[in-house]
Amino acid sequence: MTGLKLDHFLPYRLSIASNRVSAAIASTYQALFGLKIPEWRLIAIIAEHDGITQQALGVATRMDKVTVSRAATALVERGLVARRPNPGDQRSHLLMLTSTGRALYEDVAPKALELEAQVFEGFTAEEIASFREMLDRIEASAAPFDADRG
């Protein structure tokens, strides 16, 4: 028998913590704004760009193509995101926030920061900075494994 105990296995713990935070945020975004987590992630990334492709959204959010496509379609149908031709690649479109989407983002972004503050209120600024550094290192060390999948 191996010595693996899930409660001590860091990838499992990281996943559980992430799922708990995501669930709390998801219920808030759904109740207040009618947004699912993938939709909010797309809005947040699109807000940082003046047009972005679905493929670039997938890379930025680490979500699969189907999830990105469904979220983008839902946002377009709600009038929050518009598609325009991509002059750099006629096979794709650029997504950008509509004025309604921008207004929603301006309402949601402060709530996101408030939720982040609530989750991390028991941590010092130094602990948060250290945690950010650790997350960067974890992502970097896991990147080669992720590249092997695709």
C-alpha atoms as a PDB file:
ATOM      1  CA  MET A   1       0.000   0.000   0.000  1.00  0.00           C
ATOM      2  CA  THR A   2       1.275   3.455  -0.906  1.00  0.00           C
ATOM      3  CA  GLY A   3       1.595   6.305   1.546  1.00  0.00           C
ATOM      4  CA  LEU A   4      -0.816   8.492  -0.421  1.00  0.00           C
ATOM      5  CA  LYS A   5      -3.414  10.180   1.764  1.00  0.00           C
ATOM      6  CA  LEU A   6      -5.531  12.670  -0.134  1.00  0.00           C
ATOM      7  CA  ASP A   7      -5.813  15.090   2.769  1.00  0.00           C
ATOM      8  CA  HIS A   8      -2.008  15.464   2.632  1.00  0.00           C
ATOM      9  CA  PHE A   9      -1.650  15.378  -1.179  1.00  0.00           C
ATOM     10  CA  LEU A  10      -1.021  18.996  -2.185  1.00  0.00           C
ATOM     11  CA  PRO A  11      -2.498  18.856  -5.721  1.00  0.00           C
ATOM     12  CA  TYR A  12      -5.732  17.507  -4.218  1.00  0.00           C
ATOM     13  CA  ARG A  13      -5.770  20.177  -1.494  1.00  0.00           C
ATOM     14  CA  LEU A  14      -5.129  22.894  -4.067  1.00  0.00           C
ATOM     15  CA  SER A  15      -8.021  21.599  -6.166  1.00  0.00           C
ATOM     16  CA  ILE A  16     -10.383  21.440  -3.177  1.00  0.00           C
ATOM     17  CA  ALA A  17      -9.480  24.979  -2.100  1.00  0.00           C
ATOM     18  CA  SER A  18      -9.946  26.240  -5.646  1.00  0.00           C
ATOM     19  CA  ASN A  19     -13.309  24.485  -5.964  1.00  0.00           C
ATOM     20  CA  ARG A  20     -14.560  25.970  -2.692  1.00  0.00           C
ATOM     21  CA  VAL A  21     -13.573  29.505  -3.643  1.00  0.00           C
ATOM     22  CA  SER A  22     -15.004  29.061  -7.157  1.00  0.00           C
ATOM     23  CA  ALA A  23     -18.289  27.728  -5.768  1.00  0.00           C
ATOM     24  CA  ALA A  24     -18.648  30.702  -3.429  1.00  0.00           C
ATOM     25  CA  ILE A  25     -17.913  33.133  -6.229  1.00  0.00           C
ATOM     26  CA  ALA A  26     -20.142  31.279  -8.698  1.00  0.00           C
ATOM     27  CA  SER A  27     -23.174  31.480  -6.451  1.00  0.00           C
ATOM     28  CA  THR A  28     -22.609  35.201  -5.915  1.00  0.00           C
ATOM     29  CA  TYR A  29     -22.126  35.989  -9.614  1.00  0.00           C
ATOM     30  CA  GLN A  30     -25.125  33.873 -10.567  1.00  0.00           C
ATOM     31  CA  ALA A  31     -27.384  35.491  -7.972  1.00  0.00           C
ATOM     32  CA  LEU A  32     -26.289  39.081  -8.595  1.00  0.00           C
ATOM     33  CA  PHE A  33     -25.455  39.115 -12.286  1.00  0.00           C
ATOM     34  CA  GLY A  34     -26.789  35.917 -13.865  1.00  0.00           C
ATOM     35  CA  LEU A  35     -23.264  34.885 -14.832  1.00  0.00           C
ATOM     36  CA  LYS A  36     -21.621  31.487 -14.696  1.00  0.00           C
ATOM     37  CA  ILE A  37     -17.914  31.344 -13.844  1.00  0.00           C
ATOM     38  CA  PRO A  38     -16.771  30.727 -17.461  1.00  0.00           C
ATOM     39  CA  GLU A  39     -18.853  33.703 -18.609  1.00  0.00           C
ATOM     40  CA  TRP A  40     -17.372  35.962 -15.953  1.00  0.00           C
ATOM     41  CA  ARG A  41     -13.845  34.838 -16.802  1.00  0.00           C
ATOM     42  CA  LEU A  42     -14.415  35.683 -20.446  1.00  0.00           C
ATOM     43  CA  ILE A  43     -15.860  39.101 -19.598  1.00  0.00           C
ATOM     44  CA  ALA A  44     -12.881  39.858 -17.361  1.00  0.00           C
ATOM     45  CA  ILE A  45     -10.324  38.879 -20.023  1.00  0.00           C
ATOM     46  CA  ILE A  46     -12.212  40.584 -22.861  1.00  0.00           C
ATOM     47  CA  ALA A  47     -12.352  43.765 -20.757  1.00  0.00           C
ATOM     48  CA  GLU A  48      -8.540  43.819 -20.752  1.00  0.00           C
ATOM     49  CA  HIS A  49      -8.312  43.736 -24.572  1.00  0.00           C
ATOM     50  CA  ASP A  50      -9.572  45.663 -27.557  1.00  0.00           C
ATOM     51  CA  GLY A  51     -10.788  42.511 -29.266  1.00  0.00           C
ATOM     52  CA  ILE A  52      -9.581  38.973 -28.560  1.00  0.00           C
ATOM     53  CA  THR A  53     -10.130  35.624 -30.280  1.00  0.00           C
ATOM     54  CA  GLN A  54     -11.805  32.635 -28.678  1.00  0.00           C
ATOM     55  CA  GLN A  55      -8.548  30.727 -29.029  1.00  0.00           C
ATOM     56  CA  ALA A  56      -6.680  33.426 -27.099  1.00  0.00           C
ATOM     57  CA  LEU A  57      -9.438  33.358 -24.472  1.00  0.00           C
ATOM     58  CA  GLY A  58      -8.913  29.620 -24.053  1.00  0.00           C
ATOM     59  CA  VAL A  59      -5.193  30.147 -23.501  1.00  0.00           C
ATOM     60  CA  ALA A  60      -5.738  33.042 -21.091  1.00  0.00           C
ATOM     61  CA  THR A  61      -8.422  31.302 -19.009  1.00  0.00           C
ATOM     62  CA  ARG A  62      -7.062  27.735 -19.277  1.00  0.00           C
ATOM     63  CA  MET A  63     -10.568  26.586 -20.248  1.00  0.00           C
ATOM     64  CA  ASP A  64     -11.251  24.083 -23.023  1.00  0.00           C
ATOM     65  CA  LYS A  65     -12.571  25.157 -26.445  1.00  0.00           C
ATOM     66  CA  VAL A  66     -16.110  23.911 -25.813  1.00  0.00           C
ATOM     67  CA  THR A  67     -16.438  25.804 -22.518  1.00  0.00           C
ATOM     68  CA  VAL A  68     -15.086  28.991 -24.107  1.00  0.00           C
ATOM     69  CA  SER A  69     -17.390  28.608 -27.110  1.00  0.00           C
ATOM     70  CA  ARG A  70     -20.495  28.055 -24.991  1.00  0.00           C
ATOM     71  CA  ALA A  71     -19.684  30.967 -22.690  1.00  0.00           C
ATOM     72  CA  ALA A  72     -18.943  33.269 -25.645  1.00  0.00           C
ATOM     73  CA  THR A  73     -22.180  32.286 -27.360  1.00  0.00           C
ATOM     74  CA  ALA A  74     -24.180  32.943 -24.185  1.00  0.00           C
ATOM     75  CA  LEU A  75     -22.542  36.360 -23.782  1.00  0.00           C
ATOM     76  CA  VAL A  76     -23.207  37.298 -27.412  1.00  0.00           C
ATOM     77  CA  GLU A  77     -26.853  36.193 -27.067  1.00  0.00           C
ATOM     78  CA  ARG A  78     -27.201  38.362 -23.943  1.00  0.00           C
ATOM     79  CA  GLY A  79     -25.788  41.347 -25.804  1.00  0.00           C
ATOM     80  CA  LEU A  80     -22.772  41.595 -23.495  1.00  0.00           C
ATOM     81  CA  VAL A  81     -20.187  40.677 -26.124  1.00  0.00           C
ATOM     82  CA  ALA A  82     -20.013  41.459 -29.842  1.00  0.00           C
ATOM     83  CA  ARG A  83     -18.145  39.579 -32.553  1.00  0.00           C
ATOM     84  CA  ARG A  84     -16.297  41.409 -35.294  1.00  0.00           C
ATOM     85  CA  PRO A  85     -14.180  40.111 -38.157  1.00  0.00           C
ATOM     86  CA  ASN A  86     -10.542  39.494 -37.321  1.00  0.00           C
ATOM     87  CA  PRO A  87      -8.474  41.385 -39.906  1.00  0.00           C
ATOM     88  CA  GLY A  88      -5.441  39.275 -38.960  1.00  0.00           C
ATOM     89  CA  ASP A  89      -7.183  35.918 -39.534  1.00  0.00           C
ATOM     90  CA  GLN A  90     -10.364  35.585 -41.565  1.00  0.00           C
ATOM     91  CA  ARG A  91     -11.066  32.190 -39.966  1.00  0.00           C
ATOM     92  CA  SER A  92     -11.685  33.728 -36.553  1.00  0.00           C
ATOM     93  CA  HIS A  93     -13.548  36.613 -34.965  1.00  0.00           C
ATOM     94  CA  LEU A  94     -12.561  39.131 -32.352  1.00  0.00           C
ATOM     95  CA  LEU A  95     -14.746  39.377 -29.268  1.00  0.00           C
ATOM     96  CA  MET A  96     -15.242  42.652 -27.465  1.00  0.00           C
ATOM     97  CA  LEU A  97     -17.533  43.964 -24.763  1.00  0.00           C
ATOM     98  CA  THR A  98     -20.592  45.893 -25.824  1.00  0.00           C
ATOM     99  CA  SER A  99     -21.508  48.991 -23.848  1.00  0.00           C
ATOM    100  CA  THR A 100     -23.884  46.779 -21.841  1.00  0.00           C
ATOM    101  CA  GLY A 101     -21.080  44.278 -21.265  1.00  0.00           C
ATOM    102  CA  ARG A 102     -18.707  47.038 -20.191  1.00  0.00           C
ATOM    103  CA  ALA A 103     -21.315  48.377 -17.733  1.00  0.00           C
ATOM    104  CA  LEU A 104     -21.787  44.872 -16.310  1.00  0.00           C
ATOM    105  CA  TYR A 105     -18.022  44.475 -15.963  1.00  0.00           C
ATOM    106  CA  GLU A 106     -17.852  47.793 -14.102  1.00  0.00           C
ATOM    107  CA  ASP A 107     -20.496  46.427 -11.684  1.00  0.00           C
ATOM    108  CA  VAL A 108     -18.961  42.968 -11.291  1.00  0.00           C
ATOM    109  CA  ALA A 109     -15.271  43.884 -10.952  1.00  0.00           C
ATOM    110  CA  PRO A 110     -15.652  45.628  -7.561  1.00  0.00           C
ATOM    111  CA  LYS A 111     -17.677  42.652  -6.302  1.00  0.00           C
ATOM    112  CA  ALA A 112     -14.884  40.314  -7.425  1.00  0.00           C
ATOM    113  CA  LEU A 113     -12.332  42.359  -5.505  1.00  0.00           C
ATOM    114  CA  GLU A 114     -14.637  42.387  -2.470  1.00  0.00           C
ATOM    115  CA  LEU A 115     -14.959  38.588  -2.576  1.00  0.00           C
ATOM    116  CA  GLU A 116     -11.191  38.238  -2.889  1.00  0.00           C
ATOM    117  CA  ALA A 117     -10.743  40.489   0.140  1.00  0.00           C
ATOM    118  CA  GLN A 118     -13.224  38.386   2.141  1.00  0.00           C
ATOM    119  CA  VAL A 119     -11.471  35.119   1.265  1.00  0.00           C
ATOM    120  CA  PHE A 120      -8.061  36.505   2.228  1.00  0.00           C
ATOM    121  CA  GLU A 121      -9.049  38.771   5.133  1.00  0.00           C
ATOM    122  CA  GLY A 122      -7.237  36.554   7.661  1.00  0.00           C
ATOM    123  CA  PHE A 123      -3.920  36.837   5.795  1.00  0.00           C
ATOM    124  CA  THR A 124      -1.243  39.499   6.045  1.00  0.00           C
ATOM    125  CA  ALA A 125      -0.056  41.411   2.990  1.00  0.00           C
ATOM    126  CA  GLU A 126       3.208  39.470   3.187  1.00  0.00           C
ATOM    127  CA  GLU A 127       1.380  36.126   3.252  1.00  0.00           C
ATOM    128  CA  ILE A 128      -0.685  37.121   0.228  1.00  0.00           C
ATOM    129  CA  ALA A 129       2.426  38.239  -1.668  1.00  0.00           C
ATOM    130  CA  SER A 130       4.141  34.968  -0.768  1.00  0.00           C
ATOM    131  CA  PHE A 131       1.061  32.991  -1.849  1.00  0.00           C
ATOM    132  CA  ARG A 132       1.016  34.799  -5.212  1.00  0.00           C
ATOM    133  CA  GLU A 133       4.691  33.930  -5.687  1.00  0.00           C
ATOM    134  CA  MET A 134       4.008  30.293  -4.805  1.00  0.00           C
ATOM    135  CA  LEU A 135       1.090  30.152  -7.257  1.00  0.00           C
ATOM    136  CA  ASP A 136       3.357  31.540  -9.996  1.00  0.00           C
ATOM    137  CA  ARG A 137       5.945  28.881  -9.200  1.00  0.00           C
ATOM    138  CA  ILE A 138       3.340  26.092  -9.097  1.00  0.00           C
ATOM    139  CA  GLU A 139       1.933  27.160 -12.469  1.00  0.00           C
ATOM    140  CA  ALA A 140       5.421  27.344 -13.966  1.00  0.00           C
ATOM    141  CA  SER A 141       6.441  23.938 -12.647  1.00  0.00           C
ATOM    142  CA  ALA A 142       3.190  22.366 -13.853  1.00  0.00           C
ATOM    143  CA  ALA A 143       3.361  23.953 -17.326  1.00  0.00           C
ATOM    144  CA  PRO A 144       5.506  21.202 -18.915  1.00  0.00           C
ATOM    145  CA  PHE A 145       2.944  18.585 -17.850  1.00  0.00           C
ATOM    146  CA  ASP A 146       0.125  20.633 -19.355  1.00  0.00           C
ATOM    147  CA  ALA A 147       2.041  20.994 -22.630  1.00  0.00           C
ATOM    148  CA  ASP A 148       2.372  17.208 -22.824  1.00  0.00           C
ATOM    149  CA  ARG A 149      -1.445  16.891 -22.975  1.00  0.00           C
ATOM    150  CA  GLY A 150      -2.016  19.100 -25.971  1.00  0.00           C
END
